[in-house]
Structure formats: structure tokens, C-alpha cells
Protein backbone atom coordinates (compact mmCIF):
# COMPACT_ATOMS: atom_id res chain seq x y z
CA MET A 1 13.17 -65.93 -57.86
CA ASN A 2 15.01 -64.13 -59.27
CA LYS A 3 18.12 -62.65 -57.82
CA ILE A 4 17.34 -59.61 -56.70
CA LYS A 5 14.34 -61.17 -54.89
CA ILE A 6 16.59 -63.46 -52.93
CA ILE A 7 19.24 -60.96 -52.26
CA ARG A 8 16.62 -59.13 -50.63
CA PHE A 9 15.37 -62.12 -48.59
CA LEU A 10 18.58 -62.62 -47.39
CA LEU A 11 19.41 -59.53 -45.78
CA LEU A 12 16.23 -59.42 -44.21
CA THR A 13 16.84 -62.82 -42.73
CA ILE A 14 19.96 -61.91 -41.33
CA ILE A 15 18.99 -58.53 -40.03
CA SER A 16 15.73 -60.16 -38.42
CA SER A 17 17.94 -63.26 -36.74
CA LEU A 18 20.76 -60.60 -34.89
CA GLY A 19 17.33 -58.73 -33.38
CA LEU A 20 18.08 -55.09 -35.05
CA SER A 21 15.54 -52.71 -36.45
CA CYS A 22 16.67 -50.20 -38.77
CA SER A 23 14.21 -47.50 -38.10
CA ASN A 24 14.87 -48.04 -34.09
CA ASP A 25 18.82 -47.75 -34.78
CA ASP A 26 18.37 -44.83 -37.05
CA LEU A 27 16.80 -43.05 -33.96
CA ASN A 28 19.03 -43.61 -31.80
CA SER A 29 22.02 -42.46 -34.19
CA LYS A 30 20.77 -39.71 -34.34
CA GLU A 31 21.76 -36.71 -32.24
CA LEU A 32 19.78 -35.75 -29.12
CA PHE A 33 19.94 -32.05 -27.35
CA VAL A 34 19.01 -31.34 -24.31
CA TYR A 35 18.12 -27.40 -23.93
CA MET A 36 16.73 -24.38 -21.85
CA ARG A 37 14.53 -21.50 -22.26
CA ASN A 38 15.13 -18.22 -20.77
CA TRP A 39 11.56 -16.90 -20.10
CA SER A 40 12.39 -14.59 -18.10
CA SER A 41 13.91 -10.23 -18.27
CA ASP A 42 15.87 -8.76 -16.28
CA ILE A 43 14.61 -9.44 -12.67
CA SER A 44 13.94 -6.40 -10.24
CA VAL A 45 14.22 -7.21 -6.33
CA GLU A 46 13.56 -4.53 -3.82
CA LYS A 47 14.93 -5.23 -0.14
CA THR A 48 12.88 -3.09 2.18
CA TYR A 49 12.59 -3.67 6.45
CA ALA A 50 9.17 -3.47 8.25
CA ASP A 51 9.06 -0.56 11.17
CA ASP A 52 9.72 -3.89 13.53
CA GLY A 53 12.74 -3.96 11.52
CA SER A 54 11.77 -7.37 9.62
CA MET A 55 12.62 -7.82 6.38
CA VAL A 56 10.33 -7.61 3.53
CA ILE A 57 11.41 -8.77 -0.31
CA LYS A 58 9.37 -7.07 -2.78
CA GLY A 59 9.95 -9.54 -6.31
CA ILE A 60 10.63 -12.95 -6.97
CA ASP A 61 12.48 -15.50 -4.68
CA GLU A 62 12.41 -18.60 -6.74
CA ILE A 63 13.07 -19.55 -10.64
CA LYS A 64 11.51 -22.17 -11.80
CA PHE A 65 11.55 -23.46 -15.53
CA PRO A 66 11.77 -27.01 -17.39
CA LEU A 67 13.98 -28.45 -19.79
CA TYR A 68 13.39 -29.22 -23.49
CA LEU A 69 14.48 -32.54 -25.99
CA THR A 70 15.17 -31.56 -30.37
CA ARG A 71 13.29 -35.13 -29.90
CA GLU A 72 11.17 -37.64 -28.48
CA THR A 73 13.05 -40.75 -27.56
CA SER A 74 11.90 -44.28 -26.64
CA VAL A 75 13.81 -43.42 -23.33
CA ASP A 76 14.18 -41.74 -20.65
CA VAL A 77 16.68 -38.84 -20.59
CA HIS A 78 18.30 -37.58 -17.02
CA ALA A 79 19.75 -34.09 -16.82
CA CYS A 80 21.10 -31.85 -14.18
CA VAL A 81 21.06 -28.07 -14.26
CA VAL A 82 23.31 -26.33 -12.02
CA TYR A 83 24.71 -22.87 -11.26
CA ASP A 84 27.90 -22.20 -13.76
CA GLU A 85 29.36 -18.94 -11.86
CA THR A 86 32.22 -19.18 -14.67
CA GLN A 87 30.16 -18.05 -17.09
CA VAL A 88 29.62 -14.22 -15.18
CA ALA A 89 33.27 -12.95 -16.39
CA THR A 90 32.72 -15.08 -19.96
CA TYR A 91 29.23 -12.85 -20.06
CA ASN A 92 30.75 -9.69 -19.52
CA GLN A 93 33.36 -9.79 -21.30
CA LYS A 94 31.20 -10.52 -24.11
CA TYR A 95 28.91 -8.14 -23.67
CA GLY A 96 30.30 -4.98 -22.11
CA THR A 97 28.60 -5.61 -18.71
CA SER A 98 29.48 -5.26 -15.53
CA PHE A 99 27.45 -8.13 -13.46
CA LYS A 100 28.21 -9.62 -9.94
CA SER A 101 27.89 -12.97 -9.18
CA PHE A 102 24.68 -13.70 -7.71
CA PRO A 103 26.91 -15.09 -3.97
CA ALA A 104 26.81 -18.83 -3.91
CA GLU A 105 25.67 -19.43 -0.83
CA ALA A 106 22.97 -17.30 -1.34
CA LEU A 107 20.59 -19.43 -3.79
CA SER A 108 20.11 -23.38 -3.73
CA VAL A 109 19.77 -25.23 -7.04
CA GLU A 110 16.83 -27.97 -7.54
CA GLY A 111 18.35 -29.37 -10.82
CA SER A 112 18.39 -32.82 -11.25
CA LEU A 113 15.35 -33.69 -13.56
CA LEU A 114 13.69 -36.25 -15.49
CA ILE A 115 12.38 -36.36 -19.38
CA GLN A 116 10.42 -39.48 -19.86
CA ALA A 117 10.33 -41.41 -23.17
CA GLY A 118 8.00 -40.14 -25.80
CA LEU A 119 7.99 -36.75 -23.84
CA LEU A 120 9.72 -32.98 -25.22
CA GLN A 121 9.59 -31.58 -21.94
CA SER A 122 10.23 -32.35 -18.33
CA ALA A 123 7.18 -32.77 -16.17
CA ASP A 124 9.15 -31.11 -13.15
CA SER A 125 11.29 -27.88 -13.58
CA VAL A 126 14.42 -26.63 -12.65
CA SER A 127 14.35 -24.37 -9.29
CA VAL A 128 16.62 -21.80 -8.17
CA LYS A 129 15.68 -20.40 -4.44
CA LEU A 130 17.61 -17.09 -3.72
CA ASP A 131 18.23 -16.01 -0.59
CA TYR A 132 18.67 -11.87 -0.02
CA SER A 133 19.42 -11.50 3.67
CA LYS A 134 23.00 -10.72 3.24
CA ILE A 135 22.13 -9.41 -0.30
CA GLU A 136 23.46 -5.85 -0.79
CA SER A 137 22.42 -3.79 -3.24
CA GLY A 138 23.75 -4.48 -7.07
CA SER A 139 23.64 -5.80 -10.63
CA TYR A 140 23.87 -9.62 -10.17
CA LEU A 141 24.00 -12.33 -12.58
CA ILE A 142 22.99 -16.23 -12.66
CA PRO A 143 24.40 -18.42 -15.09
CA LEU A 144 22.54 -21.99 -15.36
CA SER A 145 24.30 -24.59 -17.22
CA ILE A 146 22.69 -28.08 -18.11
CA GLN A 147 25.72 -30.51 -16.57
CA GLY A 148 25.52 -34.17 -16.49
CA VAL A 149 23.26 -36.00 -19.20
CA ALA A 150 22.79 -39.33 -18.91
CA SER A 151 20.37 -41.77 -21.33
CA GLU A 152 20.52 -44.96 -23.27
CA ASP A 153 19.59 -43.14 -26.35
CA LYS A 154 23.30 -42.95 -28.13
CA GLY A 155 23.12 -39.14 -29.20
CA VAL A 156 21.97 -37.43 -26.16
CA GLN A 157 23.94 -34.52 -25.00
CA ALA A 158 23.74 -31.05 -23.59
CA SER A 159 22.98 -28.67 -26.20
CA SER A 160 25.98 -26.09 -27.02
CA THR A 161 24.06 -23.30 -28.26
CA ALA A 162 21.24 -23.18 -25.65
CA GLY A 163 22.46 -25.00 -22.50
CA THR A 164 23.45 -22.32 -20.58
CA VAL A 165 20.16 -19.59 -19.78
CA TYR A 166 21.41 -16.55 -18.03
CA TYR A 167 19.27 -14.40 -15.15
CA PRO A 168 20.31 -10.85 -14.55
CA ILE A 169 18.51 -9.92 -11.15
CA SER A 170 19.40 -6.09 -9.87
CA VAL A 171 19.08 -5.67 -6.19
CA THR A 172 18.06 -2.39 -4.47
CA VAL A 173 18.38 -1.72 -0.90
CA ASN A 174 15.67 0.33 1.35
CA ASN A 175 18.21 0.63 4.32
CA ILE A 176 16.19 3.74 5.49
CA ASN A 177 13.40 4.16 8.11
CA SER A 178 11.73 7.19 6.30
CA LYS A 179 8.65 7.67 8.79
CA ASN A 180 11.70 8.27 11.40
CA THR A 181 13.17 11.68 11.24
CA GLU A 182 14.14 11.43 14.96
CA ILE A 183 17.56 11.28 15.67
CA ALA A 184 18.82 8.22 16.09
CA SER A 185 19.68 7.14 19.97
CA GLY A 186 23.21 6.93 20.77
CA THR A 187 26.91 8.83 20.13
CA LYS A 188 27.41 11.17 17.73
CA LEU A 189 31.07 10.91 16.02
CA ASP A 190 33.80 13.33 17.15
CA ARG A 191 34.35 15.32 13.48
CA SER A 192 37.53 16.41 14.02
CA ASN A 193 39.30 13.47 11.50
CA TRP A 194 36.63 14.10 8.86
CA THR A 195 37.14 14.57 5.11
CA VAL A 196 34.21 16.50 3.13
CA THR A 197 34.02 17.19 -0.17
CA CYS A 198 31.63 18.03 -3.04
CA ALA A 199 32.01 19.13 -6.77
CA VAL A 200 29.36 21.85 -5.88
CA ASN A 201 29.97 25.16 -3.69
CA SER A 202 32.84 23.29 -2.83
CA SER A 203 34.61 25.80 -0.46
CA LYS A 204 31.78 25.98 1.93
CA VAL A 205 31.06 22.10 2.42
CA ILE A 206 33.32 22.32 4.96
CA ASN A 207 31.16 24.53 6.86
CA LEU A 208 28.61 20.93 7.13
CA ILE A 209 31.42 19.86 10.49
CA ASP A 210 32.49 23.12 11.59
CA GLY A 211 30.17 23.53 14.81
CA ASN A 212 28.41 26.69 13.81
CA LEU A 213 25.24 26.90 13.11
CA GLU A 214 25.76 30.42 11.70
CA THR A 215 27.59 28.92 8.59
CA LEU A 216 26.05 26.87 5.38
CA TRP A 217 26.44 24.79 2.91
CA GLU A 218 24.55 26.07 -0.32
CA GLY A 219 23.48 23.95 -3.33
CA GLN A 220 22.77 24.86 -6.72
CA ARG A 221 19.20 24.57 -8.22
CA SER A 222 17.69 21.82 -10.54
CA SER A 223 20.66 19.48 -9.91
CA THR A 224 21.73 16.38 -7.46
CA HIS A 225 24.64 17.13 -4.71
CA PRO A 226 27.04 14.42 -3.92
CA ILE A 227 28.30 15.18 -0.59
CA GLU A 228 30.92 12.52 0.50
CA VAL A 229 32.73 12.23 3.85
CA ASP A 230 35.58 10.33 4.99
CA MET A 231 35.20 9.57 8.80
CA GLY A 232 38.99 8.64 8.65
CA THR A 233 38.41 4.80 10.47
CA MET A 234 35.62 2.16 9.96
CA HIS A 235 32.46 2.68 12.34
CA ILE A 236 29.05 0.87 12.75
CA LEU A 237 26.76 3.98 11.82
CA LYS A 238 23.06 3.76 13.57
CA GLY A 239 22.46 6.75 11.22
CA LEU A 240 22.96 10.53 10.39
CA SER A 241 21.81 13.58 11.06
CA PHE A 242 21.34 17.32 9.52
CA HIS A 243 20.93 20.70 11.36
CA PHE A 244 18.68 22.81 8.91
CA LYS A 245 18.65 26.80 10.36
CA HIS A 246 17.25 29.19 8.05
CA THR A 247 14.81 32.41 7.50
CA SER A 248 12.93 29.96 5.17
CA TYR A 249 12.01 26.14 4.79
CA SER A 250 11.92 26.32 0.92
CA TYR A 251 16.01 26.26 1.11
CA ALA A 252 15.45 22.79 3.40
CA PRO A 253 16.84 19.94 2.30
CA GLN A 254 13.54 17.77 0.73
CA SER A 255 15.64 14.21 0.68
CA PHE A 256 18.35 12.57 0.21
CA THR A 257 19.97 9.09 -1.40
CA VAL A 258 22.66 7.88 1.05
CA TYR A 259 25.59 5.49 -0.22
CA THR A 260 27.72 3.38 2.20
CA SER A 261 31.10 2.35 1.70
CA GLU A 262 34.29 0.77 3.30
CA ASP A 263 36.82 1.58 0.89
CA GLY A 264 36.08 4.19 -1.15
CA GLU A 265 35.49 2.46 -4.16
CA GLU A 266 32.89 0.55 -3.77
CA TRP A 267 29.54 1.87 -2.99
CA ILE A 268 26.67 0.53 -1.49
CA ASN A 269 22.84 2.22 -1.77
CA GLN A 270 21.35 2.28 1.83
CA GLY A 271 18.22 4.11 -0.06
CA LYS A 272 16.01 7.09 -0.10
CA THR A 273 14.42 9.46 2.67
CA GLY A 274 10.91 10.37 2.48
CA ASN A 275 10.29 13.64 2.26
CA TYR A 276 10.99 15.84 5.23
CA SER A 277 8.05 18.52 6.58
CA PHE A 278 9.27 22.06 7.30
CA THR A 279 7.05 24.80 8.57
CA ASN A 280 7.62 28.40 8.83
CA SER A 281 7.19 27.94 12.46
CA ILE A 282 10.55 25.47 12.72
CA ARG A 283 13.31 27.05 11.04
CA ASP A 284 16.09 26.09 13.71
CA LYS A 285 15.95 22.26 14.15
CA GLU A 286 18.23 18.38 13.73
CA TYR A 287 16.54 15.88 11.19
CA GLY A 288 17.51 12.32 11.68
CA ILE A 289 18.19 9.80 8.78
CA ASN A 290 17.98 6.58 10.33
CA PHE A 291 19.01 2.64 8.98
CA PHE A 292 16.75 -0.19 9.67
CA ILE A 293 20.46 -2.27 10.34
CA PRO A 294 23.27 -0.19 11.26
CA VAL A 295 25.83 0.15 8.46
CA GLU A 296 29.45 -0.86 8.96
CA CYS A 297 31.64 2.02 7.09
CA ARG A 298 34.25 4.53 6.92
CA TYR A 299 33.27 6.41 4.03
CA PHE A 300 29.33 8.03 2.89
CA ARG A 301 27.78 9.58 0.82
CA LEU A 302 24.66 12.14 0.49
CA THR A 303 22.85 13.04 -2.54
CA VAL A 304 20.67 16.19 -2.09
CA ASN A 305 18.07 15.42 -4.21
CA ARG A 306 16.59 19.20 -4.41
CA ALA A 307 15.22 21.80 -1.82
CA VAL A 308 11.73 21.85 -1.09
CA SER A 309 11.52 24.73 -3.80
CA SER A 310 12.34 23.89 -6.65
CA TYR A 311 13.27 27.43 -7.68
CA VAL A 312 16.46 27.35 -5.38
CA GLY A 313 19.10 25.61 -4.15
CA PRO A 314 19.42 22.86 -0.92
CA ARG A 315 20.89 24.36 2.17
CA PHE A 316 22.06 23.03 5.72
CA ASN A 317 24.31 24.17 8.48
CA GLU A 318 25.51 20.83 10.10
CA LEU A 319 26.06 16.93 9.06
CA TYR A 320 26.52 14.14 11.98
CA ALA A 321 27.18 10.68 12.11
CA ILE A 322 25.78 8.47 15.29
CA GLU A 323 26.91 5.28 16.48
């Protein structure tokens, strides 16, 4: 037996006596990443209400996805995914966005998963259940990060590039009962302390709160007309109303989009009214804008979308709030 064969035999004997396997040791020493894929585009959710006041959600209320490995391993891998709210500010700064954090109390994450030995994907999925009952309209972001990876495999760790996924959620709220155009039962607020402004025909917007049905405010054709009201103090509103009096219903406002605010800075879109029905036989009437759920606010804003006739600007005479 020559010297080379003797040396090779001795090395194999030593390795065998130590109970080692070159192939297994090499496998376990390679880097092993746990990662996620974001299969979802932006999620759109509409929150509205049935006639009986019960909430109706149009859109998903659960996010589900598995975890992945970059290579097979001979042992199980455990990983945990959590809601990583701290990533929202980082994301906004990086991409120039202005997402709000989805409220932590409005979601629950079941994120402890097992990827079994020999597999590249978990059998179960991360589950994120969403509760919209107290969510206002707006653009939200849900970052989910892998935190806590455990395995007997030496190289296992969370991916640094695919260890966080982001789910943008756009929530719109329709809190306007479009089928009910009657005036809400309640008390009309005193308007003596109100301040009302509008960029369109601003000198006449005060006519909406002067108590005189012979005066009116007139908007412009083919443009929206935000009318903003500061009621002076906070109120819980059941709805609003407007009085239309004119010789032709063509000038009547066809629909409104309603916003409310507590501070005049951050506005909540309460929804859009349906199209109001007018006839030439009724040219002097008060119409209601009713909330399904009463709204606490100091400010409200009406965007007058258009008049019944697209050839004229919208007009109406008085504006009220009911609590």
C-alpha cells in the first residue's frame, strides 16, 4: 500500500470513529433563510351599513400566506411572524408615502409556524384577522416581520431582504343612509356661532346660515364645491339637512360627499349621498343627509358634486345640523 493510500485510509478511519458525516456537516453549515412572499396588491375595503344599522364589510377580513425556506433541511424549522408597527414610519420615509398604522387592537396574528424537515414551505399559513368595527376611512399599512427563528440547523435565520412583507389597505366608510332623505329626528343646532366658508362664491356662502329662504349660495358649473362649517364646539350629529327653494329643480344639488373633523385638520370621509330626486311640482323643500352611526365632530364639510343639470351651478338656500 503506497503512502497516499495509507493517509487516505487513516483519515477516513478517524472521521468514522468520530461519527461525523462530511455531507451532513456541509449541509448544516450553509446559510438557511426563512422568507415570505407578498402575493397581494393594495387591498380595498368598504365599510358600510345595512338599513338596520348592522355593519357590512366589502373586502377581505383575513390575510393568509405560508413561509418558505431557501433550501431543504434535515430538521424542522420553527418561525414566528408578528405585526411590526415600527416599520410603518420607515416605509413612509423610504417611499414618500403617508400610510397610517393599522390599529394594533384591530388585528390579531397567528404567526407561529412549522416548516417540516425536507420541505421548502410551511403546511400551515400565517393568519392575520382584521376587525374594521372601529376603523375610520384612510390608507393603512400592515408590516409583518419574521421574528424568532429556531432549528437544530446551524445556519437558519430570517431573510434580511424578504423577512418583512407590507400590506397596504385602503378603507372607505359609507356612513350615509342614501335611501333616507327625510330630516333626522332630533334637535337642529343653533347656528349663531357657526363659521361657514367656501372658495366658490365665498361672499354668499353666509346665506346658507342666515335663516332667510329668499337668499341662497350658488356654485359653479362643472366643479366640486367644498363648503366647510365650524360649529364652534363638539357635537354628536345624527345628520345634516339642506333647504332648496327655486323656480327650477335643475339648480338643485344632485349629491354630496360628507367629511367630518374634530380639529379641522384631519378629516374623515363619511361617504357620499345618493342622487336626490326633484320635480318641478316640488320646488320648496328641506332634505335630509342622515348618518347610519352618529358622528362626533366640531367641523363638517360638504362637497357639492354637481347640480341636477350639468349646464348650471348648484344652488341651495339653508344648511342645518341635527343632533
